[in-house]
C-alpha atoms as a PDB file:
ATOM      1  CA  UNK A   1      -8.334   6.836  -1.023  1.00  0.00           C
ATOM      2  CA  UNK A   2      -9.251   9.551   1.410  1.00  0.00           C
ATOM      3  CA  UNK A   3      -9.460  10.118   5.121  1.00  0.00           C
ATOM      4  CA  UNK A   4     -12.889   8.924   6.233  1.00  0.00           C
ATOM      5  CA  UNK A   5     -15.028  11.804   7.462  1.00  0.00           C
ATOM      6  CA  UNK A   6     -18.778  12.128   8.159  1.00  0.00           C
ATOM      7  CA  UNK A   7     -19.096  14.255   5.008  1.00  0.00           C
ATOM      8  CA  UNK A   8     -17.870  11.454   2.708  1.00  0.00           C
ATOM      9  CA  UNK A   9     -19.421   8.337   4.284  1.00  0.00           C
ATOM     10  CA  UNK A  10     -23.126   8.973   3.721  1.00  0.00           C
ATOM     11  CA  UNK A  11     -23.350   6.059   1.276  1.00  0.00           C
ATOM     12  CA  UNK A  12     -22.395   3.615   4.051  1.00  0.00           C
ATOM     13  CA  UNK A  13     -25.854   4.022   5.614  1.00  0.00           C
ATOM     14  CA  UNK A  14     -27.288   2.128   2.645  1.00  0.00           C
ATOM     15  CA  UNK A  15     -24.902  -0.833   2.945  1.00  0.00           C
ATOM     16  CA  UNK A  16     -26.501  -4.107   3.925  1.00  0.00           C
ATOM     17  CA  UNK A  17     -23.714  -5.289   6.211  1.00  0.00           C
ATOM     18  CA  UNK A  18     -23.795  -7.125   9.510  1.00  0.00           C
ATOM     19  CA  UNK A  19     -23.329  -5.746  12.021  1.00  0.00           C
ATOM     20  CA  UNK A  20     -24.849  -2.466  10.899  1.00  0.00           C
ATOM     21  CA  UNK A  21     -22.402   0.301  11.816  1.00  0.00           C
ATOM     22  CA  UNK A  22     -23.168   3.963  12.413  1.00  0.00           C
ATOM     23  CA  UNK A  23     -20.131   5.377  10.618  1.00  0.00           C
ATOM     24  CA  UNK A  24     -21.128   9.000  11.196  1.00  0.00           C
ATOM     25  CA  UNK A  25     -21.299   8.358  14.925  1.00  0.00           C
ATOM     26  CA  UNK A  26     -17.995   6.499  14.916  1.00  0.00           C
ATOM     27  CA  UNK A  27     -16.195   9.240  13.008  1.00  0.00           C
ATOM     28  CA  UNK A  28     -17.815  12.217  14.770  1.00  0.00           C
ATOM     29  CA  UNK A  29     -17.011  11.053  18.292  1.00  0.00           C
ATOM     30  CA  UNK A  30     -13.658   9.373  17.732  1.00  0.00           C
ATOM     31  CA  UNK A  31     -10.970  11.106  19.780  1.00  0.00           C
ATOM     32  CA  UNK A  32     -12.641  14.484  19.999  1.00  0.00           C
ATOM     33  CA  UNK A  33     -10.192  15.725  22.636  1.00  0.00           C
ATOM     34  CA  UNK A  34      -6.946  14.229  21.332  1.00  0.00           C
ATOM     35  CA  UNK A  35      -7.149  13.281  17.665  1.00  0.00           C
ATOM     36  CA  UNK A  36      -5.407   9.942  17.309  1.00  0.00           C
ATOM     37  CA  UNK A  37      -7.669   8.217  14.883  1.00  0.00           C
ATOM     38  CA  UNK A  38      -6.807   6.151  11.875  1.00  0.00           C
ATOM     39  CA  UNK A  39      -9.584   6.437   9.280  1.00  0.00           C
ATOM     40  CA  UNK A  40      -9.620   5.332   5.652  1.00  0.00           C
ATOM     41  CA  UNK A  41     -12.274   5.669   2.948  1.00  0.00           C
ATOM     42  CA  UNK A  42     -11.750   3.806  -0.336  1.00  0.00           C
ATOM     43  CA  UNK A  43     -13.590   4.980  -3.430  1.00  0.00           C
ATOM     44  CA  UNK A  44     -14.040   3.040  -6.663  1.00  0.00           C
ATOM     45  CA  UNK A  45     -15.280   5.011  -9.684  1.00  0.00           C
ATOM     46  CA  UNK A  46     -16.456   7.786  -7.383  1.00  0.00           C
ATOM     47  CA  UNK A  47     -18.491   5.475  -5.127  1.00  0.00           C
ATOM     48  CA  UNK A  48     -17.625   4.639  -1.542  1.00  0.00           C
ATOM     49  CA  UNK A  49     -16.278   1.084  -1.610  1.00  0.00           C
ATOM     50  CA  UNK A  50     -14.858   0.534   1.871  1.00  0.00           C
ATOM     51  CA  UNK A  51     -14.248   2.143   5.243  1.00  0.00           C
ATOM     52  CA  UNK A  52     -11.856   1.473   8.095  1.00  0.00           C
ATOM     53  CA  UNK A  53     -11.459   3.039  11.514  1.00  0.00           C
ATOM     54  CA  UNK A  54      -8.903   2.660  14.260  1.00  0.00           C
ATOM     55  CA  UNK A  55      -6.658   4.619  16.547  1.00  0.00           C
ATOM     56  CA  UNK A  56      -3.126   5.157  17.754  1.00  0.00           C
ATOM     57  CA  UNK A  57      -2.189   4.546  21.395  1.00  0.00           C
ATOM     58  CA  UNK A  58      -1.186   7.554  23.516  1.00  0.00           C
ATOM     59  CA  UNK A  59       2.469   6.538  23.427  1.00  0.00           C
ATOM     60  CA  UNK A  60       2.276   5.815  19.672  1.00  0.00           C
ATOM     61  CA  UNK A  61       3.504   2.252  20.266  1.00  0.00           C
ATOM     62  CA  UNK A  62       0.341   0.621  18.883  1.00  0.00           C
ATOM     63  CA  UNK A  63      -1.792   1.311  15.812  1.00  0.00           C
ATOM     64  CA  UNK A  64      -5.165  -0.368  16.033  1.00  0.00           C
ATOM     65  CA  UNK A  65      -7.721  -1.213  13.356  1.00  0.00           C
ATOM     66  CA  UNK A  66     -11.107  -1.507  15.054  1.00  0.00           C
ATOM     67  CA  UNK A  67     -13.530  -1.643  12.138  1.00  0.00           C
ATOM     68  CA  UNK A  68     -13.283  -2.551   8.472  1.00  0.00           C
ATOM     69  CA  UNK A  69     -16.272  -2.715   6.149  1.00  0.00           C
ATOM     70  CA  UNK A  70     -16.755  -3.136   2.418  1.00  0.00           C
ATOM     71  CA  UNK A  71     -19.738  -2.016   0.419  1.00  0.00           C
ATOM     72  CA  UNK A  72     -21.343  -5.394  -0.421  1.00  0.00           C
ATOM     73  CA  UNK A  73     -22.101  -4.198  -3.950  1.00  0.00           C
ATOM     74  CA  UNK A  74     -18.453  -3.284  -4.624  1.00  0.00           C
ATOM     75  CA  UNK A  75     -17.137  -6.556  -6.028  1.00  0.00           C
ATOM     76  CA  UNK A  76     -13.947  -4.852  -7.234  1.00  0.00           C
ATOM     77  CA  UNK A  77     -12.741  -4.729  -3.619  1.00  0.00           C
ATOM     78  CA  UNK A  78     -13.692  -8.268  -2.639  1.00  0.00           C
ATOM     79  CA  UNK A  79     -10.712  -9.868  -0.852  1.00  0.00           C
ATOM     80  CA  UNK A  80      -8.704  -6.641  -1.227  1.00  0.00           C
ATOM     81  CA  UNK A  81     -10.005  -4.415   1.578  1.00  0.00           C
ATOM     82  CA  UNK A  82      -8.313  -6.115   4.529  1.00  0.00           C
ATOM     83  CA  UNK A  83      -4.850  -6.360   2.894  1.00  0.00           C
ATOM     84  CA  UNK A  84      -5.163  -2.775   1.641  1.00  0.00           C
ATOM     85  CA  UNK A  85      -6.124  -1.401   5.071  1.00  0.00           C
ATOM     86  CA  UNK A  86      -3.487  -3.502   6.860  1.00  0.00           C
ATOM     87  CA  UNK A  87      -0.791  -2.246   4.458  1.00  0.00           C
ATOM     88  CA  UNK A  88      -1.883   1.382   4.954  1.00  0.00           C
ATOM     89  CA  UNK A  89      -1.950   0.930   8.737  1.00  0.00           C
ATOM     90  CA  UNK A  90       1.458  -0.760   8.664  1.00  0.00           C
ATOM     91  CA  UNK A  91       2.974   2.138   6.716  1.00  0.00           C
ATOM     92  CA  UNK A  92       1.429   4.588   9.175  1.00  0.00           C
ATOM     93  CA  UNK A  93       2.734   2.531  12.126  1.00  0.00           C
ATOM     94  CA  UNK A  94       6.240   2.501  10.626  1.00  0.00           C
ATOM     95  CA  UNK A  95       6.213   6.281  10.185  1.00  0.00           C
ATOM     96  CA  UNK A  96       5.105   6.727  13.810  1.00  0.00           C
ATOM     97  CA  UNK A  97       7.727   4.302  15.101  1.00  0.00           C
ATOM     98  CA  UNK A  98       5.022   2.001  16.524  1.00  0.00           C
ATOM     99  CA  UNK A  99       5.942  -1.518  17.599  1.00  0.00           C
ATOM    100  CA  UNK A 100       2.636  -3.304  16.969  1.00  0.00           C
ATOM    101  CA  UNK A 101      -0.411  -3.253  14.703  1.00  0.00           C
ATOM    102  CA  UNK A 102      -3.537  -4.759  16.228  1.00  0.00           C
ATOM    103  CA  UNK A 103      -6.697  -5.805  14.383  1.00  0.00           C
ATOM    104  CA  UNK A 104      -9.383  -5.924  17.058  1.00  0.00           C
ATOM    105  CA  UNK A 105     -12.169  -8.487  17.063  1.00  0.00           C
ATOM    106  CA  UNK A 106     -11.340  -9.913  13.617  1.00  0.00           C
ATOM    107  CA  UNK A 107     -13.797 -12.210  11.879  1.00  0.00           C
ATOM    108  CA  UNK A 108     -12.929 -15.840  12.598  1.00  0.00           C
ATOM    109  CA  UNK A 109     -12.247 -16.563   8.926  1.00  0.00           C
ATOM    110  CA  UNK A 110      -9.546 -13.822   8.832  1.00  0.00           C
ATOM    111  CA  UNK A 111      -7.541 -14.850  11.903  1.00  0.00           C
ATOM    112  CA  UNK A 112      -5.451 -17.606  10.300  1.00  0.00           C
ATOM    113  CA  UNK A 113      -4.771 -15.477   7.196  1.00  0.00           C
ATOM    114  CA  UNK A 114      -3.612 -12.522   9.302  1.00  0.00           C
ATOM    115  CA  UNK A 115      -1.357 -14.834  11.299  1.00  0.00           C
ATOM    116  CA  UNK A 116       0.100 -16.565   8.231  1.00  0.00           C
ATOM    117  CA  UNK A 117       0.504 -13.602   5.893  1.00  0.00           C
ATOM    118  CA  UNK A 118       1.626 -10.994   8.426  1.00  0.00           C
ATOM    119  CA  UNK A 119       3.391 -13.201  10.993  1.00  0.00           C
ATOM    120  CA  UNK A 120       0.795 -12.182  13.562  1.00  0.00           C
ATOM    121  CA  UNK A 121      -0.368 -13.776  16.783  1.00  0.00           C
ATOM    122  CA  UNK A 122      -3.930 -14.314  17.974  1.00  0.00           C
ATOM    123  CA  UNK A 123      -4.541 -12.948  21.458  1.00  0.00           C
ATOM    124  CA  UNK A 124      -7.657 -12.941  23.620  1.00  0.00           C
ATOM    125  CA  UNK A 125      -6.840  -9.701  25.400  1.00  0.00           C
ATOM    126  CA  UNK A 126      -5.907  -8.717  28.933  1.00  0.00           C
ATOM    127  CA  UNK A 127      -6.955  -6.195  31.581  1.00  0.00           C
ATOM    128  CA  UNK A 128      -5.672  -3.056  29.874  1.00  0.00           C
ATOM    129  CA  UNK A 129      -6.671  -4.254  26.378  1.00  0.00           C
ATOM    130  CA  UNK A 130      -9.695  -6.560  26.777  1.00  0.00           C
ATOM    131  CA  UNK A 131     -10.338  -7.187  23.082  1.00  0.00           C
ATOM    132  CA  UNK A 132      -9.692 -10.322  21.082  1.00  0.00           C
ATOM    133  CA  UNK A 133      -7.189  -9.286  18.426  1.00  0.00           C
ATOM    134  CA  UNK A 134      -4.456 -10.266  16.040  1.00  0.00           C
ATOM    135  CA  UNK A 135      -1.184  -8.555  16.851  1.00  0.00           C
ATOM    136  CA  UNK A 136       1.258  -7.977  13.985  1.00  0.00           C
ATOM    137  CA  UNK A 137       4.815  -6.805  14.627  1.00  0.00           C
ATOM    138  CA  UNK A 138       5.780  -3.576  12.885  1.00  0.00           C
ATOM    139  CA  UNK A 139       8.967  -4.080  10.916  1.00  0.00           C
ATOM    140  CA  UNK A 140      10.842  -0.897  10.033  1.00  0.00           C
END
């Protein structure tokens, strides 16, 4: 695993995923002024297998995962990417002393699993955080 960076995500442009994501744009513009991003690139046998992007709140109370994608041709990571990224984000959140991990706009089929496995709650958002998300408590 590595930190996702525009220099190591070129292969993602060839992925046939929906929605199509511009990973270079996401990574180049994320938090230019105050770096608070959470980026992960997973490689399998030297090939880019998955990417994830998120951020940390200004007060470091929340770690957010905004995007997760798997290379559709990387069957080795099928059903492993989300738990892997959530575990990495949880470890990062614990080290920061964060109180919550949020997965924004999760696919419908993942919501119940995230709730059951991680003791999360499904929330539709509010004024200061208008995104549907699953909120998972960070346990130290």
